[in-house]
PDB file of N, CA and C in Angstrom:
ATOM      1  N   MET A   1       3.406   3.330 -75.137  1.00  0.00           N
ATOM      2  CA  MET A   1       4.404   4.223 -75.179  1.00  0.00           C
ATOM      3  C   MET A   1       4.952   4.717 -74.120  1.00  0.00           C
ATOM      4  N   PHE A   2       4.266   5.067 -73.200  1.00  0.00           N
ATOM      5  CA  PHE A   2       4.566   5.794 -71.852  1.00  0.00           C
ATOM      6  C   PHE A   2       5.145   4.691 -70.910  1.00  0.00           C
ATOM      7  N   VAL A   3       5.590   5.251 -70.043  1.00  0.00           N
ATOM      8  CA  VAL A   3       6.271   4.234 -68.883  1.00  0.00           C
ATOM      9  C   VAL A   3       5.687   4.934 -67.908  1.00  0.00           C
ATOM     10  N   LEU A   4       5.338   3.907 -66.934  1.00  0.00           N
ATOM     11  CA  LEU A   4       3.873   4.389 -65.823  1.00  0.00           C
ATOM     12  C   LEU A   4       5.308   3.947 -65.009  1.00  0.00           C
ATOM     13  N   MET A   5       5.279   5.256 -63.936  1.00  0.00           N
ATOM     14  CA  MET A   5       6.498   5.276 -62.880  1.00  0.00           C
ATOM     15  C   MET A   5       5.990   5.349 -61.877  1.00  0.00           C
ATOM     16  N   THR A   6       6.092   4.648 -60.637  1.00  0.00           N
ATOM     17  CA  THR A   6       5.410   5.091 -59.856  1.00  0.00           C
ATOM     18  C   THR A   6       6.203   5.502 -58.797  1.00  0.00           C
ATOM     19  N   HIS A   7       6.192   6.544 -57.475  1.00  0.00           N
ATOM     20  CA  HIS A   7       6.488   6.908 -56.634  1.00  0.00           C
ATOM     21  C   HIS A   7       6.570   6.986 -55.017  1.00  0.00           C
ATOM     22  N   GLY A   8       7.550   6.595 -54.334  1.00  0.00           N
ATOM     23  CA  GLY A   8       7.100   6.976 -53.028  1.00  0.00           C
ATOM     24  C   GLY A   8       6.331   8.155 -52.945  1.00  0.00           C
ATOM     25  N   SER A   9       5.454   7.777 -51.300  1.00  0.00           N
ATOM     26  CA  SER A   9       5.001   9.802 -50.998  1.00  0.00           C
ATOM     27  C   SER A   9       6.047  10.561 -50.447  1.00  0.00           C
ATOM     28  N   LEU A  10       5.889  11.804 -50.452  1.00  0.00           N
ATOM     29  CA  LEU A  10       7.399  12.507 -49.921  1.00  0.00           C
ATOM     30  C   LEU A  10       7.257  12.621 -48.851  1.00  0.00           C
ATOM     31  N   PHE A  11       6.412  12.178 -47.740  1.00  0.00           N
ATOM     32  CA  PHE A  11       5.806  12.122 -46.854  1.00  0.00           C
ATOM     33  C   PHE A  11       5.581  11.011 -46.348  1.00  0.00           C
ATOM     34  N   PRO A  12       5.623   9.719 -45.836  1.00  0.00           N
ATOM     35  CA  PRO A  12       5.152   8.651 -45.981  1.00  0.00           C
ATOM     36  C   PRO A  12       4.772   8.296 -44.356  1.00  0.00           C
ATOM     37  N   GLU A  13       3.681   7.554 -44.338  1.00  0.00           N
ATOM     38  CA  GLU A  13       3.215   7.872 -43.052  1.00  0.00           C
ATOM     39  C   GLU A  13       3.794   6.977 -42.033  1.00  0.00           C
ATOM     40  N   PRO A  14       3.549   7.594 -40.944  1.00  0.00           N
ATOM     41  CA  PRO A  14       4.365   6.934 -39.956  1.00  0.00           C
ATOM     42  C   PRO A  14       4.715   5.312 -39.608  1.00  0.00           C
ATOM     43  N   GLN A  15       4.959   4.633 -39.327  1.00  0.00           N
ATOM     44  CA  GLN A  15       5.264   2.925 -38.579  1.00  0.00           C
ATOM     45  C   GLN A  15       3.708   2.945 -37.260  1.00  0.00           C
ATOM     46  N   PRO A  16       3.423   2.075 -37.449  1.00  0.00           N
ATOM     47  CA  PRO A  16       2.688   1.812 -36.404  1.00  0.00           C
ATOM     48  C   PRO A  16       3.648   1.485 -35.042  1.00  0.00           C
ATOM     49  N   ILE A  17       3.066   2.278 -33.867  1.00  0.00           N
ATOM     50  CA  ILE A  17       3.837   1.674 -32.586  1.00  0.00           C
ATOM     51  C   ILE A  17       3.354   0.068 -32.283  1.00  0.00           C
ATOM     52  N   VAL A  18       4.670  -0.750 -32.036  1.00  0.00           N
ATOM     53  CA  VAL A  18       4.138  -2.333 -31.459  1.00  0.00           C
ATOM     54  C   VAL A  18       3.625  -2.039 -30.216  1.00  0.00           C
ATOM     55  N   PRO A  19       2.659  -2.167 -29.416  1.00  0.00           N
ATOM     56  CA  PRO A  19       1.548  -2.565 -27.670  1.00  0.00           C
ATOM     57  C   PRO A  19       3.209  -2.800 -26.551  1.00  0.00           C
ATOM     58  N   ASP A  20       3.414  -2.430 -25.460  1.00  0.00           N
ATOM     59  CA  ASP A  20       4.583  -2.762 -25.083  1.00  0.00           C
ATOM     60  C   ASP A  20       4.254  -4.861 -24.434  1.00  0.00           C
ATOM     61  N   GLU A  21       2.735  -5.139 -24.710  1.00  0.00           N
ATOM     62  CA  GLU A  21       3.050  -6.316 -24.460  1.00  0.00           C
ATOM     63  C   GLU A  21       3.123  -7.349 -25.443  1.00  0.00           C
ATOM     64  N   GLU A  22       3.081  -6.882 -26.793  1.00  0.00           N
ATOM     65  CA  GLU A  22       3.848  -7.829 -27.916  1.00  0.00           C
ATOM     66  C   GLU A  22       4.967  -7.743 -28.041  1.00  0.00           C
ATOM     67  N   VAL A  23       5.938  -6.987 -27.416  1.00  0.00           N
ATOM     68  CA  VAL A  23       7.109  -6.360 -27.405  1.00  0.00           C
ATOM     69  C   VAL A  23       7.874  -7.354 -26.559  1.00  0.00           C
ATOM     70  N   VAL A  24       6.704  -7.582 -25.173  1.00  0.00           N
ATOM     71  CA  VAL A  24       7.614  -8.625 -23.860  1.00  0.00           C
ATOM     72  C   VAL A  24       6.597  -9.768 -24.323  1.00  0.00           C
ATOM     73  N   GLU A  25       6.138 -10.029 -24.807  1.00  0.00           N
ATOM     74  CA  GLU A  25       6.074 -11.141 -25.663  1.00  0.00           C
ATOM     75  C   GLU A  25       6.959 -11.499 -26.394  1.00  0.00           C
ATOM     76  N   THR A  26       7.720 -11.035 -27.627  1.00  0.00           N
ATOM     77  CA  THR A  26       8.036 -11.106 -28.530  1.00  0.00           C
ATOM     78  C   THR A  26      10.058 -11.777 -28.026  1.00  0.00           C
ATOM     79  N   LEU A  27      10.428 -10.773 -26.967  1.00  0.00           N
ATOM     80  CA  LEU A  27      11.338 -11.211 -26.263  1.00  0.00           C
ATOM     81  C   LEU A  27      11.345 -11.925 -24.961  1.00  0.00           C
ATOM     82  N   ARG A  28       9.967 -11.983 -24.507  1.00  0.00           N
ATOM     83  CA  ARG A  28      10.052 -13.541 -24.123  1.00  0.00           C
ATOM     84  C   ARG A  28      10.307 -14.977 -24.648  1.00  0.00           C
ATOM     85  N   ALA A  29      10.072 -14.800 -25.738  1.00  0.00           N
ATOM     86  CA  ALA A  29      10.361 -15.841 -26.496  1.00  0.00           C
ATOM     87  C   ALA A  29      11.490 -15.915 -27.042  1.00  0.00           C
ATOM     88  N   ALA A  30      12.004 -15.193 -27.357  1.00  0.00           N
ATOM     89  CA  ALA A  30      13.291 -14.702 -28.003  1.00  0.00           C
ATOM     90  C   ALA A  30      14.351 -15.639 -26.762  1.00  0.00           C
ATOM     91  N   ILE A  31      13.810 -14.945 -25.369  1.00  0.00           N
ATOM     92  CA  ILE A  31      14.929 -15.081 -24.315  1.00  0.00           C
ATOM     93  C   ILE A  31      15.252 -16.471 -23.723  1.00  0.00           C
ATOM     94  N   ALA A  32      13.465 -17.493 -24.406  1.00  0.00           N
ATOM     95  CA  ALA A  32      13.109 -19.149 -23.170  1.00  0.00           C
ATOM     96  C   ALA A  32      13.966 -19.483 -24.588  1.00  0.00           C
ATOM     97  N   ARG A  33      14.515 -19.679 -25.413  1.00  0.00           N
ATOM     98  CA  ARG A  33      15.037 -20.472 -26.400  1.00  0.00           C
ATOM     99  C   ARG A  33      16.123 -21.265 -25.929  1.00  0.00           C
ATOM    100  N   GLY A  34      16.404 -21.102 -24.911  1.00  0.00           N
ATOM    101  CA  GLY A  34      17.472 -22.145 -24.225  1.00  0.00           C
ATOM    102  C   GLY A  34      17.400 -23.278 -23.695  1.00  0.00           C
ATOM    103  N   GLY A  35      15.895 -23.395 -22.844  1.00  0.00           N
ATOM    104  CA  GLY A  35      15.787 -23.984 -22.742  1.00  0.00           C
ATOM    105  C   GLY A  35      15.803 -25.142 -21.581  1.00  0.00           C
ATOM    106  N   ARG A  36      16.935 -24.469 -20.969  1.00  0.00           N
ATOM    107  CA  ARG A  36      17.754 -25.105 -19.683  1.00  0.00           C
ATOM    108  C   ARG A  36      17.365 -25.951 -18.495  1.00  0.00           C
ATOM    109  N   LEU A  37      16.112 -24.750 -18.340  1.00  0.00           N
ATOM    110  CA  LEU A  37      15.575 -24.602 -17.080  1.00  0.00           C
ATOM    111  C   LEU A  37      13.851 -25.175 -17.455  1.00  0.00           C
ATOM    112  N   PRO A  38      13.567 -25.522 -15.749  1.00  0.00           N
ATOM    113  CA  PRO A  38      12.061 -26.543 -16.377  1.00  0.00           C
ATOM    114  C   PRO A  38      11.147 -25.255 -16.658  1.00  0.00           C
ATOM    115  N   ARG A  39      10.088 -25.711 -17.811  1.00  0.00           N
ATOM    116  CA  ARG A  39       9.557 -24.961 -18.425  1.00  0.00           C
ATOM    117  C   ARG A  39       9.014 -23.329 -17.267  1.00  0.00           C
ATOM    118  N   SER A  40       8.468 -23.782 -16.033  1.00  0.00           N
ATOM    119  CA  SER A  40       7.925 -22.716 -15.526  1.00  0.00           C
ATOM    120  C   SER A  40       8.698 -21.596 -14.662  1.00  0.00           C
ATOM    121  N   ALA A  41      10.157 -22.443 -14.264  1.00  0.00           N
ATOM    122  CA  ALA A  41      10.796 -21.155 -14.384  1.00  0.00           C
ATOM    123  C   ALA A  41      11.512 -20.537 -15.102  1.00  0.00           C
ATOM    124  N   ASP A  42      11.683 -21.236 -16.551  1.00  0.00           N
ATOM    125  CA  ASP A  42      12.216 -20.690 -17.234  1.00  0.00           C
ATOM    126  C   ASP A  42      11.101 -19.238 -18.607  1.00  0.00           C
ATOM    127  N   MET A  43       9.718 -19.566 -17.721  1.00  0.00           N
ATOM    128  CA  MET A  43       9.288 -19.025 -18.900  1.00  0.00           C
ATOM    129  C   MET A  43       8.854 -17.977 -17.039  1.00  0.00           C
ATOM    130  N   LEU A  44       8.968 -17.678 -16.266  1.00  0.00           N
ATOM    131  CA  LEU A  44       9.120 -16.804 -15.758  1.00  0.00           C
ATOM    132  C   LEU A  44       9.879 -15.699 -15.336  1.00  0.00           C
ATOM    133  N   LEU A  45      11.173 -16.319 -15.235  1.00  0.00           N
ATOM    134  CA  LEU A  45      12.481 -15.462 -15.874  1.00  0.00           C
ATOM    135  C   LEU A  45      13.033 -14.829 -17.422  1.00  0.00           C
ATOM    136  N   CYS A  46      11.958 -15.124 -17.976  1.00  0.00           N
ATOM    137  CA  CYS A  46      11.688 -14.657 -19.168  1.00  0.00           C
ATOM    138  C   CYS A  46      11.390 -13.252 -19.008  1.00  0.00           C
ATOM    139  N   GLY A  47       9.948 -13.969 -19.132  1.00  0.00           N
ATOM    140  CA  GLY A  47       9.174 -12.415 -18.817  1.00  0.00           C
ATOM    141  C   GLY A  47       9.861 -11.174 -17.679  1.00  0.00           C
ATOM    142  N   VAL A  48      10.094 -12.093 -16.919  1.00  0.00           N
ATOM    143  CA  VAL A  48      10.713 -10.503 -15.509  1.00  0.00           C
ATOM    144  C   VAL A  48      11.372 -10.181 -16.769  1.00  0.00           C
ATOM    145  N   CYS A  49      12.669 -11.067 -17.344  1.00  0.00           N
ATOM    146  CA  CYS A  49      13.487 -10.015 -17.731  1.00  0.00           C
ATOM    147  C   CYS A  49      13.163  -9.467 -19.429  1.00  0.00           C
ATOM    148  N   ALA A  50      12.125  -9.799 -20.358  1.00  0.00           N
ATOM    149  CA  ALA A  50      11.192  -9.250 -21.012  1.00  0.00           C
ATOM    150  C   ALA A  50      10.764  -7.621 -20.639  1.00  0.00           C
ATOM    151  N   GLU A  51       9.371  -7.794 -19.534  1.00  0.00           N
ATOM    152  CA  GLU A  51       9.589  -6.454 -19.268  1.00  0.00           C
ATOM    153  C   GLU A  51      10.333  -6.095 -18.591  1.00  0.00           C
ATOM    154  N   TYR A  52      11.411  -5.671 -18.341  1.00  0.00           N
ATOM    155  CA  TYR A  52      12.944  -4.808 -18.159  1.00  0.00           C
ATOM    156  C   TYR A  52      13.635  -4.506 -19.434  1.00  0.00           C
ATOM    157  N   LEU A  53      13.015  -4.976 -19.788  1.00  0.00           N
ATOM    158  CA  LEU A  53      14.077  -5.127 -21.761  1.00  0.00           C
ATOM    159  C   LEU A  53      13.117  -3.709 -21.848  1.00  0.00           C
ATOM    160  N   VAL A  54      11.842  -3.855 -21.665  1.00  0.00           N
ATOM    161  CA  VAL A  54      10.717  -3.150 -22.680  1.00  0.00           C
ATOM    162  C   VAL A  54      10.688  -1.611 -21.622  1.00  0.00           C
ATOM    163  N   GLU A  55      10.742  -2.027 -20.720  1.00  0.00           N
ATOM    164  CA  GLU A  55      11.302  -0.393 -19.484  1.00  0.00           C
ATOM    165  C   GLU A  55      12.135  -0.077 -19.677  1.00  0.00           C
ATOM    166  N   ALA A  56      13.185  -0.691 -20.205  1.00  0.00           N
ATOM    167  CA  ALA A  56      14.645   0.137 -20.448  1.00  0.00           C
ATOM    168  C   ALA A  56      14.193   1.004 -21.938  1.00  0.00           C
ATOM    169  N   LEU A  57      13.756  -0.143 -22.916  1.00  0.00           N
ATOM    170  CA  LEU A  57      13.919   0.662 -24.021  1.00  0.00           C
ATOM    171  C   LEU A  57      12.919   1.930 -23.795  1.00  0.00           C
ATOM    172  N   ARG A  58      12.083   2.302 -23.583  1.00  0.00           N
ATOM    173  CA  ARG A  58      11.068   3.013 -22.815  1.00  0.00           C
ATOM    174  C   ARG A  58      11.885   4.214 -22.002  1.00  0.00           C
ATOM    175  N   GLY A  59      12.479   4.225 -21.346  1.00  0.00           N
ATOM    176  CA  GLY A  59      13.302   4.716 -20.579  1.00  0.00           C
ATOM    177  C   GLY A  59      14.162   5.554 -21.266  1.00  0.00           C
ATOM    178  N   ALA A  60      14.970   4.637 -21.983  1.00  0.00           N
ATOM    179  CA  ALA A  60      15.904   5.397 -23.406  1.00  0.00           C
ATOM    180  C   ALA A  60      15.298   5.993 -24.187  1.00  0.00           C
ATOM    181  N   GLY A  61      13.809   6.100 -24.197  1.00  0.00           N
ATOM    182  CA  GLY A  61      13.030   7.178 -25.312  1.00  0.00           C
ATOM    183  C   GLY A  61      13.243   6.291 -26.761  1.00  0.00           C
ATOM    184  N   LEU A  62      13.231   4.847 -26.642  1.00  0.00           N
ATOM    185  CA  LEU A  62      12.839   4.547 -27.825  1.00  0.00           C
ATOM    186  C   LEU A  62      11.548   4.063 -27.992  1.00  0.00           C
ATOM    187  N   GLU A  63      11.142   3.464 -29.480  1.00  0.00           N
ATOM    188  CA  GLU A  63       9.927   2.559 -29.418  1.00  0.00           C
ATOM    189  C   GLU A  63       9.992   1.700 -30.858  1.00  0.00           C
ATOM    190  N   VAL A  64       9.119   0.882 -30.124  1.00  0.00           N
ATOM    191  CA  VAL A  64       9.615  -0.548 -31.644  1.00  0.00           C
ATOM    192  C   VAL A  64       8.062  -0.117 -32.577  1.00  0.00           C
ATOM    193  N   VAL A  65       8.674  -0.573 -34.070  1.00  0.00           N
ATOM    194  CA  VAL A  65       7.784  -0.082 -34.559  1.00  0.00           C
ATOM    195  C   VAL A  65       7.706  -1.109 -35.506  1.00  0.00           C
ATOM    196  N   ARG A  66       6.527  -1.595 -36.545  1.00  0.00           N
ATOM    197  CA  ARG A  66       6.554  -2.326 -37.197  1.00  0.00           C
ATOM    198  C   ARG A  66       6.941  -2.032 -38.002  1.00  0.00           C
ATOM    199  N   ALA A  67       7.246  -2.782 -39.165  1.00  0.00           N
ATOM    200  CA  ALA A  67       7.991  -2.421 -40.696  1.00  0.00           C
ATOM    201  C   ALA A  67       6.437  -2.745 -41.526  1.00  0.00           C
ATOM    202  N   PRO A  68       7.132  -1.773 -42.662  1.00  0.00           N
ATOM    203  CA  PRO A  68       5.906  -1.949 -43.163  1.00  0.00           C
ATOM    204  C   PRO A  68       5.571  -3.591 -44.297  1.00  0.00           C
ATOM    205  N   VAL A  69       4.486  -3.929 -44.654  1.00  0.00           N
ATOM    206  CA  VAL A  69       4.769  -4.637 -45.132  1.00  0.00           C
ATOM    207  C   VAL A  69       4.037  -5.019 -46.605  1.00  0.00           C
ATOM    208  N   GLY A  70       4.512  -5.606 -47.311  1.00  0.00           N
ATOM    209  CA  GLY A  70       3.944  -5.418 -48.437  1.00  0.00           C
ATOM    210  C   GLY A  70       4.616  -4.528 -49.723  1.00  0.00           C
ATOM    211  N   ARG A  71       5.539  -3.868 -49.544  1.00  0.00           N
ATOM    212  CA  ARG A  71       6.026  -2.404 -50.481  1.00  0.00           C
ATOM    213  C   ARG A  71       7.393  -3.096 -50.760  1.00  0.00           C
ATOM    214  N   GLY A  72       7.730  -5.104 -50.993  1.00  0.00           N
ATOM    215  CA  GLY A  72       8.551  -5.133 -51.905  1.00  0.00           C
ATOM    216  C   GLY A  72       9.973  -4.433 -50.885  1.00  0.00           C
ATOM    217  N   GLN A  73       9.961  -4.860 -49.674  1.00  0.00           N
ATOM    218  CA  GLN A  73      11.273  -4.849 -49.261  1.00  0.00           C
ATOM    219  C   GLN A  73      11.889  -5.579 -48.864  1.00  0.00           C
TER     220      GLN A  73
END
């Protein structure tokens, strides 16, 4: 007879901050998809670029957070 309603929290939990190492690995994998260079050169350049991008993100005051899992989004 009654409808059960659920509401999200008025003050949701803060999203977990992703460690720099994981952001670097994610960026490295994204940058490396070109595959035009030998693998060793590709990984070196991708790693340098990824580390630079993470430093630039931090320098701009940005943080990478993980989206909530399993909340119907």
